[in-house]
Protein backbone atom coordinates (compact mmCIF):
# COMPACT_ATOMS: atom_id res chain seq x y z
CA MET A 1 -0.01 0.24 -0.05
CA LEU A 2 2.74 2.40 0.84
CA LYS A 3 5.01 1.28 -2.00
CA GLU A 4 1.66 2.09 -4.48
CA LEU A 5 1.15 5.29 -2.81
CA ILE A 6 4.78 6.65 -3.07
CA ALA A 7 4.63 5.58 -6.70
CA HIS A 8 1.73 6.81 -7.45
CA LEU A 9 2.80 10.28 -6.03
CA GLY A 10 6.22 9.78 -8.08
CA LEU A 11 8.26 9.43 -5.00
CA ALA A 12 9.99 6.68 -6.17
CA VAL A 13 13.74 6.20 -6.52
CA CYS A 14 14.81 8.13 -9.59
CA PRO A 15 17.73 6.82 -11.97
CA SER A 16 20.14 9.57 -12.62
CA PHE A 17 18.02 12.13 -14.34
CA TYR A 18 20.21 14.99 -14.01
CA ARG A 19 22.58 12.99 -16.87
CA ASP A 20 19.97 13.28 -19.21
CA ARG A 21 20.56 15.53 -22.03
CA GLN A 22 16.88 16.76 -21.96
CA PHE A 23 17.69 17.56 -18.39
CA VAL A 24 20.69 19.34 -18.71
CA LEU A 25 18.74 21.41 -21.53
CA ALA A 26 16.05 22.31 -19.71
CA LEU A 27 18.74 23.91 -16.80
CA GLY A 28 21.06 25.61 -20.03
CA GLY A 29 17.51 27.19 -21.64
CA ALA A 30 16.33 28.55 -18.05
CA ALA A 31 19.97 30.12 -17.35
CA ALA A 32 19.66 31.72 -21.30
CA LEU A 33 16.54 32.92 -20.47
CA TRP A 34 17.43 34.88 -17.70
CA TRP A 35 20.30 36.24 -19.34
CA LEU A 36 18.01 37.21 -22.33
CA LEU A 37 15.64 38.86 -20.23
CA TRP A 38 18.20 40.51 -17.76
CA VAL A 39 19.66 42.18 -20.77
CA THR A 40 16.56 43.35 -23.09
CA ALA A 41 13.75 43.65 -20.25
CA PRO A 42 15.45 45.14 -17.02
CA GLY A 43 11.93 45.90 -15.46
CA PHE A 44 10.84 42.08 -15.49
CA PHE A 45 12.25 41.67 -12.70
CA GLY A 46 10.27 42.72 -9.93
CA ARG A 47 10.76 43.89 -6.57
CA THR A 48 12.30 40.80 -4.19
CA PRO A 49 12.44 40.49 -0.75
CA HIS A 50 15.71 40.42 0.40
CA GLN A 51 14.97 38.26 3.67
CA VAL A 52 16.49 35.06 3.44
CA GLY A 53 13.67 33.16 5.38
CA LEU A 54 11.26 34.61 2.42
CA LEU A 55 13.94 33.69 -1.05
CA LEU A 56 14.35 30.23 1.03
CA SER A 57 10.48 29.77 0.94
CA LEU A 58 10.45 30.59 -2.55
CA ILE A 59 13.40 28.41 -3.79
CA LEU A 60 13.01 25.19 -1.74
CA TRP A 61 9.65 24.91 -0.14
CA GLN A 62 7.03 26.39 -2.70
CA PRO A 63 8.54 23.81 -5.44
CA LEU A 64 8.47 21.40 -3.13
CA LEU A 65 5.01 21.70 -2.42
CA GLU A 66 3.78 22.91 -5.42
CA GLU A 67 5.29 19.67 -7.49
CA LEU A 68 3.94 17.57 -4.77
CA LEU A 69 0.49 18.80 -5.56
CA PHE A 70 0.67 19.54 -9.04
CA ARG A 71 3.20 16.94 -10.51
CA GLY A 72 2.99 14.33 -7.52
CA VAL A 73 -1.17 14.49 -6.69
CA ILE A 74 -2.83 15.80 -9.75
CA GLN A 75 -0.40 14.99 -12.85
CA GLY A 76 0.02 11.26 -11.56
CA GLN A 77 -3.44 10.73 -10.72
CA MET A 78 -4.58 11.82 -14.74
CA GLY A 79 -1.67 9.92 -15.59
CA MET A 80 -3.05 6.90 -14.65
CA GLN A 81 -6.29 7.31 -16.72
CA SER A 82 -5.61 5.95 -20.07
CA TRP A 83 -7.01 9.61 -21.50
CA GLY A 84 -4.25 11.32 -19.47
CA ARG A 85 -1.31 9.33 -21.26
CA ILE A 86 -2.52 10.30 -24.75
CA LYS A 87 -0.07 12.56 -26.10
CA HIS A 88 -0.43 15.65 -28.38
CA PHE A 89 2.61 17.20 -29.96
CA GLY A 90 4.77 15.24 -27.36
CA VAL A 91 2.93 16.60 -24.67
CA SER A 92 0.53 14.18 -22.43
CA ARG A 93 -2.85 15.69 -21.54
CA ALA A 94 -2.43 15.24 -18.18
CA ASN A 95 0.40 17.38 -18.11
CA LEU A 96 -1.16 19.74 -20.39
CA LEU A 97 -4.48 19.51 -18.02
CA THR A 98 -2.03 20.46 -15.01
CA SER A 99 0.27 23.32 -16.43
CA ILE A 100 -3.67 24.71 -17.11
CA LEU A 101 -4.40 24.50 -13.42
CA PHE A 102 -0.60 25.60 -12.43
CA ALA A 103 -1.02 28.79 -14.41
CA LEU A 104 -4.62 29.03 -13.02
CA ALA A 105 -3.44 28.72 -9.04
CA HIS A 106 -0.77 31.46 -10.21
CA LEU A 107 -3.84 33.89 -11.04
CA ILE A 108 -4.17 34.01 -7.09
CA TYR A 109 -1.40 35.99 -6.15
CA HIS A 110 0.19 37.28 -9.98
CA SER A 111 -0.95 38.94 -12.70
CA PRO A 112 -2.59 37.24 -15.67
CA LEU A 113 0.76 38.00 -17.85
CA TRP A 114 3.02 35.71 -14.99
CA ALA A 115 0.35 33.14 -14.78
CA LEU A 116 0.59 32.74 -18.36
CA ALA A 117 4.46 33.05 -18.12
CA VAL A 118 4.73 30.15 -15.88
CA VAL A 119 3.00 27.52 -18.44
CA VAL A 120 6.10 26.67 -20.64
CA PRO A 121 7.95 25.87 -17.52
CA SER A 122 5.08 23.61 -16.01
CA LEU A 123 5.18 21.83 -19.19
CA ILE A 124 8.89 21.20 -18.65
CA PHE A 125 8.14 19.90 -15.13
CA GLY A 126 5.71 17.75 -16.46
CA HIS A 127 7.49 16.30 -19.23
CA PHE A 128 10.13 15.20 -16.76
CA ARG A 129 7.12 13.79 -14.33
CA ASP A 130 5.98 11.79 -17.32
CA ARG A 131 9.77 10.88 -18.55
CA TYR A 132 10.58 9.69 -15.19
CA ALA A 133 7.43 8.44 -13.19
CA SER A 134 8.80 10.87 -10.35
CA ILE A 135 8.97 14.41 -9.55
CA TYR A 136 12.67 14.77 -8.30
CA PRO A 137 13.63 15.94 -11.95
CA SER A 138 10.41 18.40 -11.92
CA LEU A 139 11.21 19.29 -8.20
CA ALA A 140 15.20 20.13 -9.19
CA LEU A 141 14.35 22.11 -12.57
CA HIS A 142 11.72 23.90 -10.35
CA ALA A 143 14.33 24.84 -7.58
CA TYR A 144 16.49 25.68 -9.92
CA TYR A 145 14.19 28.05 -12.16
CA ASN A 146 12.59 30.02 -8.81
CA ALA A 147 16.44 30.21 -7.32
CA GLY A 148 17.48 31.93 -11.15
CA TYR A 149 14.76 34.15 -11.12
CA PHE A 150 14.80 35.37 -7.38
CA LEU A 151 18.53 35.68 -7.11
CA ILE A 152 18.74 37.72 -10.00
CA ALA A 153 16.05 39.69 -8.80
CA VAL A 154 17.74 40.16 -5.45
CA VAL A 155 21.19 41.29 -7.00
CA ARG A 156 19.26 43.88 -9.90
């Protein structure tokens, strides 16, 4: 029972995802986007609090909770259904619907443009959830993406 729950939530041991070329590309793509935004849109990086506790929350705790909920519970449950595993342009329906819900959840505290901006990263996180049947790769990427954004905002 516990093993099944762990597997359904995507918490089972994950192979060396950090060696995956697609994973490395997702890391590099984020860094390239941060640099591009730094150079072309200095106003993109909003005011970010400098409190260490809040930054740790944004970089570690929020990704952990969001990945457990969205990729672990929601995408995991949808992915168990035959309709959720159907792919369109390489994206599973479970991933697509989870990413839409993820963006809608960001509307609670963010502007519509910001909520729209999280769709692509969410699809990337969901891709790795599908690829590895684990949330560990998506959790690592989510924390990395948040760290890059918020640390650049602090430095700026």
